[in-house]
Amino acid sequence: RKVLALLAASDEEDVTQLGGFINLLKDVIGGIIFGVMTISFLILLDHRGVVHFQSAHNFRNAAFQLLNDPETIANVEESSDLKFM
């Protein structure tokens, strides 16, 4: 809907003007914040067991296995110049 409104906007509401750019920037930032909040809420619901996303569980298990791999730990230690205990 916003895209059509921007395309049909008159010269006074031109996006290339400062006011139009600020409105576009607000829309982009608002969309990003809304998306992050939605994903965070879904992760919370998955963690609490309200909903079940198998892909989230698979990702968590793969990340856990990867971080317990001795070769991965050695690579991280080498690249960060730290030694994990």
N, C-alpha and C. Protein backbone atom coordinates (compact mmCIF):
# COMPACT_ATOMS: atom_id res chain seq x y z
N ARG A 1 0.82 -1.18 0.00
CA ARG A 1 0.00 0.00 0.00
C ARG A 1 0.87 1.25 0.00
N LYS A 2 1.95 1.24 0.79
CA LYS A 2 2.85 2.40 0.84
C LYS A 2 3.52 2.63 -0.50
N VAL A 3 3.87 1.53 -1.18
CA VAL A 3 4.55 1.68 -2.47
C VAL A 3 3.63 2.37 -3.46
N LEU A 4 2.37 1.95 -3.50
CA LEU A 4 1.41 2.59 -4.40
C LEU A 4 1.20 4.05 -4.03
N ALA A 5 1.17 4.35 -2.74
CA ALA A 5 1.00 5.74 -2.31
C ALA A 5 2.21 6.57 -2.71
N LEU A 6 3.40 5.99 -2.62
CA LEU A 6 4.60 6.73 -3.02
C LEU A 6 4.64 6.95 -4.53
N LEU A 7 4.18 5.96 -5.30
CA LEU A 7 4.16 6.10 -6.75
C LEU A 7 3.12 7.12 -7.20
N ALA A 8 2.01 7.18 -6.48
CA ALA A 8 0.94 8.08 -6.86
C ALA A 8 1.06 9.45 -6.18
N ALA A 9 2.14 9.67 -5.42
CA ALA A 9 2.30 10.93 -4.68
C ALA A 9 2.51 12.09 -5.65
N SER A 10 1.98 13.23 -5.24
CA SER A 10 2.18 14.43 -6.05
C SER A 10 3.56 15.00 -5.77
N ASP A 11 3.88 16.09 -6.47
CA ASP A 11 5.21 16.69 -6.31
C ASP A 11 5.44 17.22 -4.90
N GLU A 12 4.38 17.63 -4.21
CA GLU A 12 4.55 18.14 -2.86
C GLU A 12 4.96 17.04 -1.89
N GLU A 13 4.61 15.79 -2.21
CA GLU A 13 4.91 14.66 -1.33
C GLU A 13 6.04 13.81 -1.90
N ASP A 14 6.96 14.43 -2.60
CA ASP A 14 8.04 13.72 -3.27
C ASP A 14 8.97 13.07 -2.25
N VAL A 15 9.31 11.82 -2.47
CA VAL A 15 10.17 11.07 -1.55
C VAL A 15 11.59 11.62 -1.57
N THR A 16 11.99 12.24 -2.68
CA THR A 16 13.35 12.77 -2.75
C THR A 16 13.53 14.00 -1.90
N GLN A 17 12.44 14.60 -1.45
CA GLN A 17 12.53 15.76 -0.56
C GLN A 17 12.83 15.27 0.85
N LEU A 18 13.27 16.14 1.72
CA LEU A 18 13.67 15.78 3.08
C LEU A 18 12.53 15.15 3.86
N GLY A 19 11.34 15.73 3.80
CA GLY A 19 10.20 15.19 4.54
C GLY A 19 9.81 13.80 4.07
N GLY A 20 9.85 13.56 2.76
CA GLY A 20 9.54 12.24 2.24
C GLY A 20 10.58 11.22 2.63
N PHE A 21 11.84 11.64 2.65
CA PHE A 21 12.91 10.73 3.05
C PHE A 21 12.79 10.36 4.52
N ILE A 22 12.43 11.31 5.35
CA ILE A 22 12.27 11.03 6.78
C ILE A 22 11.12 10.06 7.01
N ASN A 23 10.02 10.25 6.29
CA ASN A 23 8.89 9.31 6.41
C ASN A 23 9.29 7.92 5.95
N LEU A 24 10.04 7.84 4.86
CA LEU A 24 10.49 6.54 4.37
C LEU A 24 11.42 5.88 5.38
N LEU A 25 12.30 6.66 5.97
CA LEU A 25 13.23 6.14 6.98
C LEU A 25 12.47 5.65 8.21
N LYS A 26 11.45 6.39 8.63
CA LYS A 26 10.62 5.96 9.77
C LYS A 26 9.91 4.65 9.45
N ASP A 27 9.42 4.49 8.23
CA ASP A 27 8.74 3.26 7.84
C ASP A 27 9.70 2.08 7.86
N VAL A 28 10.91 2.29 7.35
CA VAL A 28 11.90 1.21 7.32
C VAL A 28 12.30 0.81 8.74
N ILE A 29 12.60 1.78 9.57
CA ILE A 29 13.01 1.49 10.95
C ILE A 29 11.86 0.83 11.71
N GLY A 30 10.64 1.33 11.52
CA GLY A 30 9.49 0.71 12.17
C GLY A 30 9.27 -0.72 11.73
N GLY A 31 9.47 -1.00 10.46
CA GLY A 31 9.33 -2.36 9.96
C GLY A 31 10.37 -3.29 10.52
N ILE A 32 11.60 -2.82 10.62
CA ILE A 32 12.67 -3.64 11.18
C ILE A 32 12.40 -3.93 12.65
N ILE A 33 12.00 -2.92 13.40
CA ILE A 33 11.70 -3.12 14.83
C ILE A 33 10.54 -4.09 15.00
N PHE A 34 9.49 -3.94 14.18
CA PHE A 34 8.35 -4.84 14.27
C PHE A 34 8.76 -6.28 13.95
N GLY A 35 9.61 -6.45 12.93
CA GLY A 35 10.06 -7.79 12.56
C GLY A 35 10.89 -8.45 13.65
N VAL A 36 11.80 -7.69 14.25
CA VAL A 36 12.63 -8.23 15.32
C VAL A 36 11.77 -8.59 16.53
N MET A 37 10.81 -7.74 16.86
CA MET A 37 9.93 -8.04 17.99
C MET A 37 9.08 -9.28 17.73
N THR A 38 8.60 -9.43 16.50
CA THR A 38 7.80 -10.60 16.15
C THR A 38 8.62 -11.87 16.26
N ILE A 39 9.83 -11.86 15.71
CA ILE A 39 10.68 -13.04 15.79
C ILE A 39 11.05 -13.34 17.23
N SER A 40 11.34 -12.32 18.03
CA SER A 40 11.66 -12.52 19.44
C SER A 40 10.49 -13.13 20.19
N PHE A 41 9.29 -12.66 19.89
CA PHE A 41 8.10 -13.21 20.54
C PHE A 41 7.88 -14.67 20.15
N LEU A 42 8.10 -15.00 18.88
CA LEU A 42 7.95 -16.38 18.45
C LEU A 42 9.01 -17.29 19.08
N ILE A 43 10.22 -16.78 19.25
CA ILE A 43 11.26 -17.57 19.92
C ILE A 43 10.89 -17.80 21.38
N LEU A 44 10.34 -16.78 22.03
CA LEU A 44 9.89 -16.93 23.41
C LEU A 44 8.78 -17.98 23.50
N LEU A 45 7.82 -17.93 22.59
CA LEU A 45 6.75 -18.93 22.61
C LEU A 45 7.29 -20.33 22.35
N ASP A 46 8.29 -20.45 21.48
CA ASP A 46 8.90 -21.75 21.22
C ASP A 46 9.65 -22.24 22.45
N HIS A 47 10.34 -21.34 23.13
CA HIS A 47 11.10 -21.71 24.33
C HIS A 47 10.17 -22.16 25.46
N ARG A 48 9.03 -21.51 25.58
CA ARG A 48 8.06 -21.86 26.63
C ARG A 48 7.23 -23.09 26.28
N GLY A 49 7.32 -23.56 25.04
CA GLY A 49 6.58 -24.75 24.65
C GLY A 49 5.17 -24.46 24.16
N VAL A 50 4.83 -23.20 23.95
CA VAL A 50 3.50 -22.86 23.46
C VAL A 50 3.36 -23.28 22.00
N VAL A 51 4.38 -23.00 21.21
CA VAL A 51 4.43 -23.44 19.83
C VAL A 51 5.69 -24.26 19.65
N HIS A 52 5.76 -25.02 18.55
CA HIS A 52 6.91 -25.89 18.33
C HIS A 52 7.41 -25.69 16.90
N PHE A 53 8.62 -25.13 16.80
CA PHE A 53 9.26 -24.96 15.51
C PHE A 53 10.42 -25.94 15.43
N GLN A 54 10.26 -26.98 14.64
CA GLN A 54 11.30 -28.00 14.54
C GLN A 54 12.60 -27.42 14.00
N SER A 55 12.51 -26.47 13.09
CA SER A 55 13.73 -25.89 12.54
C SER A 55 14.53 -25.16 13.62
N ALA A 56 13.85 -24.53 14.58
CA ALA A 56 14.56 -23.86 15.67
C ALA A 56 15.27 -24.87 16.55
N HIS A 57 14.63 -25.99 16.81
CA HIS A 57 15.26 -27.02 17.62
C HIS A 57 16.45 -27.64 16.88
N ASN A 58 16.30 -27.87 15.59
CA ASN A 58 17.40 -28.41 14.81
C ASN A 58 18.58 -27.45 14.78
N PHE A 59 18.30 -26.15 14.62
CA PHE A 59 19.36 -25.14 14.62
C PHE A 59 20.07 -25.11 15.97
N ARG A 60 19.32 -25.17 17.05
CA ARG A 60 19.91 -25.15 18.39
C ARG A 60 20.80 -26.37 18.61
N ASN A 61 20.33 -27.54 18.20
CA ASN A 61 21.13 -28.76 18.35
C ASN A 61 22.39 -28.72 17.50
N ALA A 62 22.28 -28.21 16.28
CA ALA A 62 23.45 -28.13 15.40
C ALA A 62 24.47 -27.14 15.96
N ALA A 63 24.01 -26.02 16.48
CA ALA A 63 24.92 -25.04 17.06
C ALA A 63 25.61 -25.60 18.30
N PHE A 64 24.87 -26.33 19.11
CA PHE A 64 25.45 -26.94 20.31
C PHE A 64 26.51 -27.96 19.94
N GLN A 65 26.23 -28.80 18.93
CA GLN A 65 27.21 -29.80 18.49
C GLN A 65 28.43 -29.13 17.88
N LEU A 66 28.22 -28.07 17.12
CA LEU A 66 29.33 -27.36 16.50
C LEU A 66 30.24 -26.72 17.54
N LEU A 67 29.65 -26.14 18.57
CA LEU A 67 30.45 -25.49 19.61
C LEU A 67 31.14 -26.49 20.53
N ASN A 68 30.72 -27.73 20.53
CA ASN A 68 31.39 -28.75 21.31
C ASN A 68 32.43 -29.51 20.49
N ASP A 69 32.57 -29.19 19.23
CA ASP A 69 33.55 -29.84 18.36
C ASP A 69 34.95 -29.29 18.68
N PRO A 70 35.92 -30.17 18.98
CA PRO A 70 37.27 -29.69 19.33
C PRO A 70 37.94 -28.88 18.22
N GLU A 71 37.69 -29.22 16.97
CA GLU A 71 38.29 -28.48 15.87
C GLU A 71 37.74 -27.06 15.79
N THR A 72 36.44 -26.90 16.03
CA THR A 72 35.83 -25.57 16.02
C THR A 72 36.38 -24.72 17.16
N ILE A 73 36.50 -25.33 18.33
CA ILE A 73 37.03 -24.61 19.49
C ILE A 73 38.47 -24.17 19.22
N ALA A 74 39.27 -25.04 18.60
CA ALA A 74 40.65 -24.69 18.28
C ALA A 74 40.71 -23.54 17.29
N ASN A 75 39.83 -23.55 16.28
CA ASN A 75 39.81 -22.45 15.31
C ASN A 75 39.42 -21.13 15.96
N VAL A 76 38.44 -21.16 16.85
CA VAL A 76 38.00 -19.93 17.53
C VAL A 76 39.11 -19.42 18.44
N GLU A 77 39.77 -20.33 19.17
CA GLU A 77 40.87 -19.93 20.04
C GLU A 77 42.00 -19.30 19.24
N GLU A 78 42.30 -19.89 18.10
CA GLU A 78 43.39 -19.38 17.27
C GLU A 78 43.06 -18.00 16.69
N SER A 79 41.85 -17.83 16.20
CA SER A 79 41.49 -16.56 15.57
C SER A 79 41.30 -15.44 16.58
N SER A 80 40.93 -15.76 17.82
CA SER A 80 40.72 -14.72 18.83
C SER A 80 41.90 -14.54 19.76
N ASP A 81 42.92 -15.36 19.61
CA ASP A 81 44.10 -15.32 20.50
C ASP A 81 43.73 -15.48 21.96
N LEU A 82 42.72 -16.29 22.22
CA LEU A 82 42.30 -16.60 23.58
C LEU A 82 42.36 -18.10 23.78
N LYS A 83 42.47 -18.52 25.02
CA LYS A 83 42.45 -19.95 25.35
C LYS A 83 41.25 -20.21 26.24
N PHE A 84 40.34 -21.06 25.78
CA PHE A 84 39.16 -21.41 26.56
C PHE A 84 39.49 -22.52 27.54
N MET A 85 38.90 -22.44 28.70
CA MET A 85 39.15 -23.47 29.72
C MET A 85 38.11 -24.53 29.65
